[in-house]
Amino acid sequence: MHEPVKNNAAPFLSPEAPIGIFDSGIGGLTVAKEVMKQLPNENIIYIGDTARVPYGTKSDRTIKAFTLQSCLFLLEHDVKMIIIACNTSSAVALDFIANMFRIPVIGVIQPGSQAAASRSKNHRIGVIGTHTTVNSQSYKKTITSLESKAEVFSQACSLFVPLAEEGWLHHGVTDQVCSEYLKVFEGTNIDTLVMGCTHYPILADSIDKAIQKIMGHPVTLIDSGVETAQVAKNILAEKKMINTHSKASHKFYVTDLPKNFTAVGERFLGKKLDSIEMVNVESMGF
């Protein structure tokens, strides 16, 4: 196991070194898509721990152990940065992981919260996510730490994940489910809504339509993947580590059979996935 070290940039890594992206499953591909969009020359290595998803039902110690194992796998591939694209791992394990490695490690909660706090004009912000993310109050705590005047209203939207994975993007059922979940925000006067799960941007059109109708005024949607990719870009630019030379290579790894990951992943990314390999990460870490 790698010894804990301070989180400063590894001087021996070149700008051509890949960015590592970790998620407990498939949802982190929406973050990967934004990284590809904002940093088109970057090589990317993605690991989805599909054998042990969901993480939300696990203890904090187990989440830290599982996250560490996948991050050590990425480190073995000489990544120059790790993006923890899992909201549960970001809430529970980010600081633990960041303190162990000497490369930048970022999560999705801080960038999404920062965007919400800065863009809301009336400081009334909605957050939607899984039960685990909402119950952790990680977005609420982060947003209010950034903006003391902020009032945060949260709603768990558990059916959004299967709807996204089934590809029901423009479907009457999806519109109905969105309206049912989001009507809880009626009367809150929110002007900003954080999509606090990496699956949710797939349903952004339906979410946007429902929340605008319910609120009766424009509501800014915050996609944590977009914001996280921008933070990654800023960090790499500051360290002069943006890859401007090589043709991008994207490699994907999973910890269970890749069949379902391939089908859903291609829909999430909007492109064909050519390189998917099943790996075992359980021997790494604890």
C-alpha atoms as a PDB file:
ATOM      1  CA  MET A   1       0.000   0.000   0.000  1.00  0.00           C
ATOM      2  CA  HIS A   2       1.212   3.477  -0.844  1.00  0.00           C
ATOM      3  CA  GLU A   3       2.370   5.476   2.142  1.00  0.00           C
ATOM      4  CA  PRO A   4       0.446   8.670   2.909  1.00  0.00           C
ATOM      5  CA  VAL A   5       2.128  11.691   1.389  1.00  0.00           C
ATOM      6  CA  LYS A   6       1.282  15.343   1.091  1.00  0.00           C
ATOM      7  CA  ASN A   7      -0.963  16.258  -1.811  1.00  0.00           C
ATOM      8  CA  ASN A   8       1.379  18.270  -4.005  1.00  0.00           C
ATOM      9  CA  ALA A   9       1.980  17.702  -7.697  1.00  0.00           C
ATOM     10  CA  ALA A  10       4.283  14.847  -8.609  1.00  0.00           C
ATOM     11  CA  PRO A  11       7.202  16.551 -10.400  1.00  0.00           C
ATOM     12  CA  PHE A  12       8.019  13.537 -12.581  1.00  0.00           C
ATOM     13  CA  LEU A  13       4.634  13.429 -14.335  1.00  0.00           C
ATOM     14  CA  SER A  14       4.357  15.041 -17.766  1.00  0.00           C
ATOM     15  CA  PRO A  15       1.326  16.886 -19.171  1.00  0.00           C
ATOM     16  CA  GLU A  16       0.701  13.804 -21.320  1.00  0.00           C
ATOM     17  CA  ALA A  17      -0.026  11.727 -18.193  1.00  0.00           C
ATOM     18  CA  PRO A  18      -3.706  10.719 -18.005  1.00  0.00           C
ATOM     19  CA  ILE A  19      -6.458  12.055 -15.779  1.00  0.00           C
ATOM     20  CA  GLY A  20      -7.954   9.345 -13.576  1.00  0.00           C
ATOM     21  CA  ILE A  21     -11.706   9.329 -12.988  1.00  0.00           C
ATOM     22  CA  PHE A  22     -13.309   7.080 -10.384  1.00  0.00           C
ATOM     23  CA  ASP A  23     -16.973   6.293  -9.806  1.00  0.00           C
ATOM     24  CA  SER A  24     -18.821   3.541  -7.996  1.00  0.00           C
ATOM     25  CA  GLY A  25     -20.501   2.706 -11.292  1.00  0.00           C
ATOM     26  CA  ILE A  26     -21.734   4.329 -14.485  1.00  0.00           C
ATOM     27  CA  GLY A  27     -22.887   7.822 -13.470  1.00  0.00           C
ATOM     28  CA  GLY A  28     -19.375   9.250 -13.427  1.00  0.00           C
ATOM     29  CA  LEU A  29     -19.348   8.992 -17.203  1.00  0.00           C
ATOM     30  CA  THR A  30     -21.288  12.281 -17.277  1.00  0.00           C
ATOM     31  CA  VAL A  31     -18.284  13.841 -15.538  1.00  0.00           C
ATOM     32  CA  ALA A  32     -15.920  12.110 -17.961  1.00  0.00           C
ATOM     33  CA  LYS A  33     -17.956  13.519 -20.856  1.00  0.00           C
ATOM     34  CA  GLU A  34     -17.478  17.060 -19.551  1.00  0.00           C
ATOM     35  CA  VAL A  35     -13.751  16.506 -19.032  1.00  0.00           C
ATOM     36  CA  MET A  36     -13.493  15.299 -22.636  1.00  0.00           C
ATOM     37  CA  LYS A  37     -15.396  18.389 -23.777  1.00  0.00           C
ATOM     38  CA  GLN A  38     -13.397  20.951 -21.798  1.00  0.00           C
ATOM     39  CA  LEU A  39     -10.020  19.181 -22.069  1.00  0.00           C
ATOM     40  CA  PRO A  40     -10.194  17.457 -25.465  1.00  0.00           C
ATOM     41  CA  ASN A  41      -6.516  16.474 -25.621  1.00  0.00           C
ATOM     42  CA  GLU A  42      -6.402  14.787 -22.232  1.00  0.00           C
ATOM     43  CA  ASN A  43      -5.846  11.075 -21.870  1.00  0.00           C
ATOM     44  CA  ILE A  44      -8.397   9.574 -19.481  1.00  0.00           C
ATOM     45  CA  ILE A  45      -8.519   6.394 -17.437  1.00  0.00           C
ATOM     46  CA  TYR A  46     -11.936   5.643 -15.927  1.00  0.00           C
ATOM     47  CA  ILE A  47     -12.606   3.006 -13.278  1.00  0.00           C
ATOM     48  CA  GLY A  48     -16.172   2.079 -12.325  1.00  0.00           C
ATOM     49  CA  ASP A  49     -16.545  -0.219  -9.317  1.00  0.00           C
ATOM     50  CA  THR A  50     -19.590  -1.905 -10.826  1.00  0.00           C
ATOM     51  CA  ALA A  51     -19.177  -5.090  -8.762  1.00  0.00           C
ATOM     52  CA  ARG A  52     -19.824  -3.249  -5.495  1.00  0.00           C
ATOM     53  CA  VAL A  53     -22.252  -0.484  -6.461  1.00  0.00           C
ATOM     54  CA  PRO A  54     -24.163   1.125  -4.736  1.00  0.00           C
ATOM     55  CA  TYR A  55     -21.850   2.633  -2.144  1.00  0.00           C
ATOM     56  CA  GLY A  56     -24.651   4.437  -0.326  1.00  0.00           C
ATOM     57  CA  THR A  57     -25.603   1.400   1.730  1.00  0.00           C
ATOM     58  CA  LYS A  58     -22.033   0.867   2.983  1.00  0.00           C
ATOM     59  CA  SER A  59     -20.320   2.113   6.154  1.00  0.00           C
ATOM     60  CA  ASP A  60     -17.940   5.076   5.978  1.00  0.00           C
ATOM     61  CA  ARG A  61     -14.978   2.774   6.587  1.00  0.00           C
ATOM     62  CA  THR A  62     -16.011   0.491   3.720  1.00  0.00           C
ATOM     63  CA  ILE A  63     -16.582   3.447   1.383  1.00  0.00           C
ATOM     64  CA  LYS A  64     -13.106   4.762   2.200  1.00  0.00           C
ATOM     65  CA  ALA A  65     -11.576   1.332   1.619  1.00  0.00           C
ATOM     66  CA  PHE A  66     -13.361   0.783  -1.711  1.00  0.00           C
ATOM     67  CA  THR A  67     -12.534   4.306  -2.903  1.00  0.00           C
ATOM     68  CA  LEU A  68      -8.894   3.885  -1.936  1.00  0.00           C
ATOM     69  CA  GLN A  69      -8.629   0.607  -3.843  1.00  0.00           C
ATOM     70  CA  SER A  70      -9.873   2.168  -7.088  1.00  0.00           C
ATOM     71  CA  CYS A  71      -7.738   5.278  -6.613  1.00  0.00           C
ATOM     72  CA  LEU A  72      -4.647   3.122  -6.059  1.00  0.00           C
ATOM     73  CA  PHE A  73      -5.526   1.342  -9.298  1.00  0.00           C
ATOM     74  CA  LEU A  74      -5.536   4.717 -11.046  1.00  0.00           C
ATOM     75  CA  LEU A  75      -2.254   5.661  -9.396  1.00  0.00           C
ATOM     76  CA  GLU A  76      -0.679   2.505 -10.830  1.00  0.00           C
ATOM     77  CA  HIS A  77      -1.458   4.011 -14.258  1.00  0.00           C
ATOM     78  CA  ASP A  78       0.548   7.157 -13.434  1.00  0.00           C
ATOM     79  CA  VAL A  79      -2.400   9.546 -13.509  1.00  0.00           C
ATOM     80  CA  LYS A  80      -1.633  13.232 -12.909  1.00  0.00           C
ATOM     81  CA  MET A  81      -4.974  13.948 -11.229  1.00  0.00           C
ATOM     82  CA  ILE A  82      -7.842  11.965  -9.741  1.00  0.00           C
ATOM     83  CA  ILE A  83     -11.465  13.039 -10.023  1.00  0.00           C
ATOM     84  CA  ILE A  84     -13.779  11.274  -7.577  1.00  0.00           C
ATOM     85  CA  ALA A  85     -16.961  11.416  -9.641  1.00  0.00           C
ATOM     86  CA  CYS A  86     -19.091   9.666  -7.018  1.00  0.00           C
ATOM     87  CA  ASN A  87     -21.126  11.870  -4.692  1.00  0.00           C
ATOM     88  CA  THR A  88     -21.039   9.312  -1.871  1.00  0.00           C
ATOM     89  CA  SER A  89     -17.262   8.904  -2.074  1.00  0.00           C
ATOM     90  CA  SER A  90     -16.819  12.665  -2.418  1.00  0.00           C
ATOM     91  CA  ALA A  91     -18.784  13.173   0.797  1.00  0.00           C
ATOM     92  CA  VAL A  92     -17.117  10.413   2.811  1.00  0.00           C
ATOM     93  CA  ALA A  93     -13.650   9.755   1.399  1.00  0.00           C
ATOM     94  CA  LEU A  94     -12.346  12.815  -0.474  1.00  0.00           C
ATOM     95  CA  ASP A  95     -10.212  14.297   2.314  1.00  0.00           C
ATOM     96  CA  PHE A  96      -8.946  10.843   3.275  1.00  0.00           C
ATOM     97  CA  ILE A  97      -7.802  10.141  -0.303  1.00  0.00           C
ATOM     98  CA  ALA A  98      -6.470  13.651  -0.996  1.00  0.00           C
ATOM     99  CA  ASN A  99      -4.193  13.463   2.041  1.00  0.00           C
ATOM    100  CA  MET A 100      -2.656  10.211   0.830  1.00  0.00           C
ATOM    101  CA  PHE A 101      -1.515  11.200  -2.656  1.00  0.00           C
ATOM    102  CA  ARG A 102       0.813  13.871  -4.038  1.00  0.00           C
ATOM    103  CA  ILE A 103      -1.341  14.569  -7.072  1.00  0.00           C
ATOM    104  CA  PRO A 104      -4.484  16.737  -7.071  1.00  0.00           C
ATOM    105  CA  VAL A 105      -7.624  14.871  -5.980  1.00  0.00           C
ATOM    106  CA  ILE A 106     -10.986  16.582  -6.459  1.00  0.00           C
ATOM    107  CA  GLY A 107     -14.599  15.578  -5.879  1.00  0.00           C
ATOM    108  CA  VAL A 108     -17.929  16.717  -7.302  1.00  0.00           C
ATOM    109  CA  ILE A 109     -19.594  18.271  -4.247  1.00  0.00           C
ATOM    110  CA  GLN A 110     -17.382  21.327  -3.729  1.00  0.00           C
ATOM    111  CA  PRO A 111     -17.473  22.490  -7.392  1.00  0.00           C
ATOM    112  CA  GLY A 112     -21.252  22.057  -7.614  1.00  0.00           C
ATOM    113  CA  SER A 113     -21.796  23.822  -4.305  1.00  0.00           C
ATOM    114  CA  GLN A 114     -19.484  26.687  -5.267  1.00  0.00           C
ATOM    115  CA  ALA A 115     -21.371  27.212  -8.525  1.00  0.00           C
ATOM    116  CA  ALA A 116     -24.733  27.202  -6.751  1.00  0.00           C
ATOM    117  CA  ALA A 117     -23.605  29.612  -4.039  1.00  0.00           C
ATOM    118  CA  SER A 118     -22.155  32.065  -6.554  1.00  0.00           C
ATOM    119  CA  ARG A 119     -24.988  31.967  -9.120  1.00  0.00           C
ATOM    120  CA  SER A 120     -28.032  32.128  -6.878  1.00  0.00           C
ATOM    121  CA  LYS A 121     -29.313  35.686  -6.710  1.00  0.00           C
ATOM    122  CA  ASN A 122     -31.723  35.193  -3.804  1.00  0.00           C
ATOM    123  CA  HIS A 123     -29.653  32.620  -1.850  1.00  0.00           C
ATOM    124  CA  ARG A 124     -32.461  30.041  -2.058  1.00  0.00           C
ATOM    125  CA  ILE A 125     -31.058  26.835  -3.500  1.00  0.00           C
ATOM    126  CA  GLY A 126     -32.539  23.412  -4.186  1.00  0.00           C
ATOM    127  CA  VAL A 127     -30.569  20.163  -4.183  1.00  0.00           C
ATOM    128  CA  ILE A 128     -31.716  16.864  -5.663  1.00  0.00           C
ATOM    129  CA  GLY A 129     -29.847  13.598  -5.219  1.00  0.00           C
ATOM    130  CA  THR A 130     -30.054  10.041  -3.959  1.00  0.00           C
ATOM    131  CA  HIS A 131     -31.331   9.343  -0.440  1.00  0.00           C
ATOM    132  CA  THR A 132     -27.748   8.801   0.718  1.00  0.00           C
ATOM    133  CA  THR A 133     -26.487  12.119  -0.641  1.00  0.00           C
ATOM    134  CA  VAL A 134     -29.487  14.068   0.644  1.00  0.00           C
ATOM    135  CA  ASN A 135     -29.340  12.438   4.090  1.00  0.00           C
ATOM    136  CA  SER A 136     -25.615  13.216   4.358  1.00  0.00           C
ATOM    137  CA  GLN A 137     -26.449  16.933   3.931  1.00  0.00           C
ATOM    138  CA  SER A 138     -23.076  17.265   2.202  1.00  0.00           C
ATOM    139  CA  TYR A 139     -24.313  19.825  -0.338  1.00  0.00           C
ATOM    140  CA  LYS A 140     -26.239  21.795   2.283  1.00  0.00           C
ATOM    141  CA  LYS A 141     -23.223  21.965   4.595  1.00  0.00           C
ATOM    142  CA  THR A 142     -20.864  22.961   1.792  1.00  0.00           C
ATOM    143  CA  ILE A 143     -23.188  25.574   0.296  1.00  0.00           C
ATOM    144  CA  THR A 144     -23.902  27.225   3.655  1.00  0.00           C
ATOM    145  CA  SER A 145     -20.193  27.242   4.491  1.00  0.00           C
ATOM    146  CA  LEU A 146     -19.611  29.176   1.263  1.00  0.00           C
ATOM    147  CA  GLU A 147     -22.623  31.476   1.607  1.00  0.00           C
ATOM    148  CA  SER A 148     -23.955  32.021   5.133  1.00  0.00           C
ATOM    149  CA  LYS A 149     -27.175  33.597   3.816  1.00  0.00           C
ATOM    150  CA  ALA A 150     -28.063  30.527   1.761  1.00  0.00           C
ATOM    151  CA  GLU A 151     -31.187  28.502   2.468  1.00  0.00           C
ATOM    152  CA  VAL A 152     -30.971  24.991   1.049  1.00  0.00           C
ATOM    153  CA  PHE A 153     -33.957  22.767   0.279  1.00  0.00           C
ATOM    154  CA  SER A 154     -33.298  19.119  -0.572  1.00  0.00           C
ATOM    155  CA  GLN A 155     -35.218  16.287  -2.200  1.00  0.00           C
ATOM    156  CA  ALA A 156     -34.243  12.670  -2.841  1.00  0.00           C
ATOM    157  CA  CYS A 157     -35.199  11.479  -6.338  1.00  0.00           C
ATOM    158  CA  SER A 158     -34.441   7.758  -6.292  1.00  0.00           C
ATOM    159  CA  LEU A 159     -36.246   6.878  -9.529  1.00  0.00           C
ATOM    160  CA  PHE A 160     -34.085   9.231 -11.594  1.00  0.00           C
ATOM    161  CA  VAL A 161     -31.182   6.744 -11.659  1.00  0.00           C
ATOM    162  CA  PRO A 162     -33.099   3.824 -13.243  1.00  0.00           C
ATOM    163  CA  LEU A 163     -34.853   6.201 -15.644  1.00  0.00           C
ATOM    164  CA  ALA A 164     -31.480   7.546 -16.791  1.00  0.00           C
ATOM    165  CA  GLU A 165     -30.002   4.069 -17.167  1.00  0.00           C
ATOM    166  CA  GLU A 166     -33.051   2.861 -19.109  1.00  0.00           C
ATOM    167  CA  GLY A 167     -32.612   5.772 -21.497  1.00  0.00           C
ATOM    168  CA  TRP A 168     -36.072   7.237 -20.894  1.00  0.00           C
ATOM    169  CA  LEU A 169     -34.828  10.739 -21.659  1.00  0.00           C
ATOM    170  CA  HIS A 170     -37.840  12.180 -23.477  1.00  0.00           C
ATOM    171  CA  HIS A 171     -40.670  10.110 -22.099  1.00  0.00           C
ATOM    172  CA  GLY A 172     -44.018  10.941 -20.553  1.00  0.00           C
ATOM    173  CA  VAL A 173     -43.283   8.783 -17.522  1.00  0.00           C
ATOM    174  CA  THR A 174     -40.027  10.656 -16.887  1.00  0.00           C
ATOM    175  CA  ASP A 175     -41.801  14.006 -17.130  1.00  0.00           C
ATOM    176  CA  GLN A 176     -44.453  12.782 -14.685  1.00  0.00           C
ATOM    177  CA  VAL A 177     -41.871  11.452 -12.205  1.00  0.00           C
ATOM    178  CA  CYS A 178     -39.925  14.732 -12.369  1.00  0.00           C
ATOM    179  CA  SER A 179     -43.055  16.745 -11.649  1.00  0.00           C
ATOM    180  CA  GLU A 180     -43.951  14.476  -8.728  1.00  0.00           C
ATOM    181  CA  TYR A 181     -40.538  14.734  -7.081  1.00  0.00           C
ATOM    182  CA  LEU A 182     -39.925  18.410  -7.744  1.00  0.00           C
ATOM    183  CA  LYS A 183     -43.310  19.705  -6.561  1.00  0.00           C
ATOM    184  CA  VAL A 184     -41.779  19.678  -3.062  1.00  0.00           C
ATOM    185  CA  PHE A 185     -39.992  22.906  -4.087  1.00  0.00           C
ATOM    186  CA  GLU A 186     -43.278  24.744  -4.652  1.00  0.00           C
ATOM    187  CA  GLY A 187     -43.322  27.764  -2.367  1.00  0.00           C
ATOM    188  CA  THR A 188     -39.583  27.681  -1.648  1.00  0.00           C
ATOM    189  CA  ASN A 189     -38.791  30.398  -4.225  1.00  0.00           C
ATOM    190  CA  ILE A 190     -35.524  28.675  -5.214  1.00  0.00           C
ATOM    191  CA  ASP A 191     -33.734  30.207  -8.189  1.00  0.00           C
ATOM    192  CA  THR A 192     -31.011  27.540  -8.444  1.00  0.00           C
ATOM    193  CA  LEU A 193     -31.195  23.725  -8.454  1.00  0.00           C
ATOM    194  CA  VAL A 194     -28.170  21.459  -7.994  1.00  0.00           C
ATOM    195  CA  MET A 195     -28.304  18.093  -9.737  1.00  0.00           C
ATOM    196  CA  GLY A 196     -26.476  16.268  -6.951  1.00  0.00           C
ATOM    197  CA  CYS A 197     -26.140  12.909  -8.653  1.00  0.00           C
ATOM    198  CA  THR A 198     -24.029  12.215 -11.721  1.00  0.00           C
ATOM    199  CA  HIS A 199     -26.919  10.363 -13.404  1.00  0.00           C
ATOM    200  CA  TYR A 200     -29.253  13.356 -13.277  1.00  0.00           C
ATOM    201  CA  PRO A 201     -27.787  15.479 -16.121  1.00  0.00           C
ATOM    202  CA  ILE A 202     -29.026  12.751 -18.481  1.00  0.00           C
ATOM    203  CA  LEU A 203     -32.550  13.842 -17.506  1.00  0.00           C
ATOM    204  CA  ALA A 204     -31.768  17.573 -17.503  1.00  0.00           C
ATOM    205  CA  ASP A 205     -34.400  18.486 -20.113  1.00  0.00           C
ATOM    206  CA  SER A 206     -37.217  16.881 -18.126  1.00  0.00           C
ATOM    207  CA  ILE A 207     -35.910  18.261 -14.828  1.00  0.00           C
ATOM    208  CA  ASP A 208     -35.634  21.759 -16.303  1.00  0.00           C
ATOM    209  CA  LYS A 209     -39.118  21.657 -17.799  1.00  0.00           C
ATOM    210  CA  ALA A 210     -40.682  20.453 -14.544  1.00  0.00           C
ATOM    211  CA  ILE A 211     -38.931  22.878 -12.192  1.00  0.00           C
ATOM    212  CA  GLN A 212     -39.630  25.931 -14.393  1.00  0.00           C
ATOM    213  CA  LYS A 213     -43.323  25.018 -14.495  1.00  0.00           C
ATOM    214  CA  ILE A 214     -43.522  24.420 -10.742  1.00  0.00           C
ATOM    215  CA  MET A 215     -41.632  27.572  -9.743  1.00  0.00           C
ATOM    216  CA  GLY A 216     -43.139  29.863 -12.360  1.00  0.00           C
ATOM    217  CA  HIS A 217     -39.810  31.619 -12.892  1.00  0.00           C
ATOM    218  CA  PRO A 218     -36.384  30.745 -14.360  1.00  0.00           C
ATOM    219  CA  VAL A 219     -34.314  28.305 -12.292  1.00  0.00           C
ATOM    220  CA  THR A 220     -30.605  27.776 -12.965  1.00  0.00           C
ATOM    221  CA  LEU A 221     -29.632  24.101 -13.137  1.00  0.00           C
ATOM    222  CA  ILE A 222     -26.200  23.244 -11.748  1.00  0.00           C
ATOM    223  CA  ASP A 223     -24.450  20.234 -13.288  1.00  0.00           C
ATOM    224  CA  SER A 224     -21.673  19.192 -10.910  1.00  0.00           C
ATOM    225  CA  GLY A 225     -19.898  17.404 -13.764  1.00  0.00           C
ATOM    226  CA  VAL A 226     -19.557  20.622 -15.754  1.00  0.00           C
ATOM    227  CA  GLU A 227     -18.288  22.489 -12.704  1.00  0.00           C
ATOM    228  CA  THR A 228     -15.875  19.707 -11.705  1.00  0.00           C
ATOM    229  CA  ALA A 229     -14.379  19.584 -15.194  1.00  0.00           C
ATOM    230  CA  GLN A 230     -13.816  23.352 -15.027  1.00  0.00           C
ATOM    231  CA  VAL A 231     -12.065  23.025 -11.657  1.00  0.00           C
ATOM    232  CA  ALA A 232      -9.882  20.249 -13.081  1.00  0.00           C
ATOM    233  CA  LYS A 233      -9.004  22.456 -16.042  1.00  0.00           C
ATOM    234  CA  ASN A 234      -8.123  25.386 -13.772  1.00  0.00           C
ATOM    235  CA  ILE A 235      -5.872  23.248 -11.564  1.00  0.00           C
ATOM    236  CA  LEU A 236      -4.031  21.738 -14.526  1.00  0.00           C
ATOM    237  CA  ALA A 237      -3.617  25.171 -16.128  1.00  0.00           C
ATOM    238  CA  GLU A 238      -2.185  26.578 -12.904  1.00  0.00           C
ATOM    239  CA  LYS A 239       0.314  23.715 -12.737  1.00  0.00           C
ATOM    240  CA  LYS A 240       1.061  23.967 -16.487  1.00  0.00           C
ATOM    241  CA  MET A 241      -0.052  20.356 -16.858  1.00  0.00           C
ATOM    242  CA  ILE A 242      -2.680  20.649 -19.605  1.00  0.00           C
ATOM    243  CA  ASN A 243      -1.997  18.234 -22.433  1.00  0.00           C
ATOM    244  CA  THR A 244      -1.858  20.167 -25.704  1.00  0.00           C
ATOM    245  CA  HIS A 245       0.044  17.665 -27.813  1.00  0.00           C
ATOM    246  CA  SER A 246      -1.175  14.100 -27.896  1.00  0.00           C
ATOM    247  CA  LYS A 247      -4.276  12.611 -29.481  1.00  0.00           C
ATOM    248  CA  ALA A 248      -6.556  11.730 -26.587  1.00  0.00           C
ATOM    249  CA  SER A 249      -6.767   8.124 -25.426  1.00  0.00           C
ATOM    250  CA  HIS A 250      -9.735   7.024 -23.303  1.00  0.00           C
ATOM    251  CA  LYS A 251      -9.608   3.717 -21.419  1.00  0.00           C
ATOM    252  CA  PHE A 252     -12.399   2.305 -19.295  1.00  0.00           C
ATOM    253  CA  TYR A 253     -12.183  -0.307 -16.557  1.00  0.00           C
ATOM    254  CA  VAL A 254     -14.947  -1.995 -14.551  1.00  0.00           C
ATOM    255  CA  THR A 255     -14.925  -4.487 -11.690  1.00  0.00           C
ATOM    256  CA  ASP A 256     -17.778  -6.640 -13.029  1.00  0.00           C
ATOM    257  CA  LEU A 257     -18.856  -7.899 -16.456  1.00  0.00           C
ATOM    258  CA  PRO A 258     -18.816  -4.914 -18.842  1.00  0.00           C
ATOM    259  CA  LYS A 259     -21.957  -5.725 -20.866  1.00  0.00           C
ATOM    260  CA  ASN A 260     -24.394  -3.409 -19.057  1.00  0.00           C
ATOM    261  CA  PHE A 261     -21.725  -0.739 -18.578  1.00  0.00           C
ATOM    262  CA  THR A 262     -21.127  -0.708 -22.334  1.00  0.00           C
ATOM    263  CA  ALA A 263     -24.787  -0.323 -23.287  1.00  0.00           C
ATOM    264  CA  VAL A 264     -25.610   2.378 -20.742  1.00  0.00           C
ATOM    265  CA  GLY A 265     -22.195   4.026 -20.944  1.00  0.00           C
ATOM    266  CA  GLU A 266     -22.426   4.638 -24.677  1.00  0.00           C
ATOM    267  CA  ARG A 267     -25.749   6.376 -24.085  1.00  0.00           C
ATOM    268  CA  PHE A 268     -24.276   8.519 -21.298  1.00  0.00           C
ATOM    269  CA  LEU A 269     -21.175   9.463 -23.284  1.00  0.00           C
ATOM    270  CA  GLY A 270     -22.848   9.746 -26.665  1.00  0.00           C
ATOM    271  CA  LYS A 271     -20.031   7.785 -28.265  1.00  0.00           C
ATOM    272  CA  LYS A 272     -18.892   4.222 -28.781  1.00  0.00           C
ATOM    273  CA  LEU A 273     -16.841   2.616 -26.017  1.00  0.00           C
ATOM    274  CA  ASP A 274     -14.095   0.584 -27.647  1.00  0.00           C
ATOM    275  CA  SER A 275     -11.818  -0.209 -24.728  1.00  0.00           C
ATOM    276  CA  ILE A 276     -13.512  -1.686 -21.633  1.00  0.00           C
ATOM    277  CA  GLU A 277     -11.663  -4.138 -19.431  1.00  0.00           C
ATOM    278  CA  MET A 278     -12.731  -5.967 -16.282  1.00  0.00           C
ATOM    279  CA  VAL A 279     -10.229  -5.727 -13.420  1.00  0.00           C
ATOM    280  CA  ASN A 280      -9.964  -6.756  -9.774  1.00  0.00           C
ATOM    281  CA  VAL A 281      -9.055  -3.935  -7.395  1.00  0.00           C
ATOM    282  CA  GLU A 282      -9.770  -5.742  -4.127  1.00  0.00           C
ATOM    283  CA  SER A 283      -6.125  -6.664  -3.566  1.00  0.00           C
ATOM    284  CA  MET A 284      -5.208  -2.977  -3.333  1.00  0.00           C
ATOM    285  CA  GLY A 285      -5.487  -0.819  -0.221  1.00  0.00           C
ATOM    286  CA  PHE A 286      -6.674  -2.212   3.085  1.00  0.00           C
END
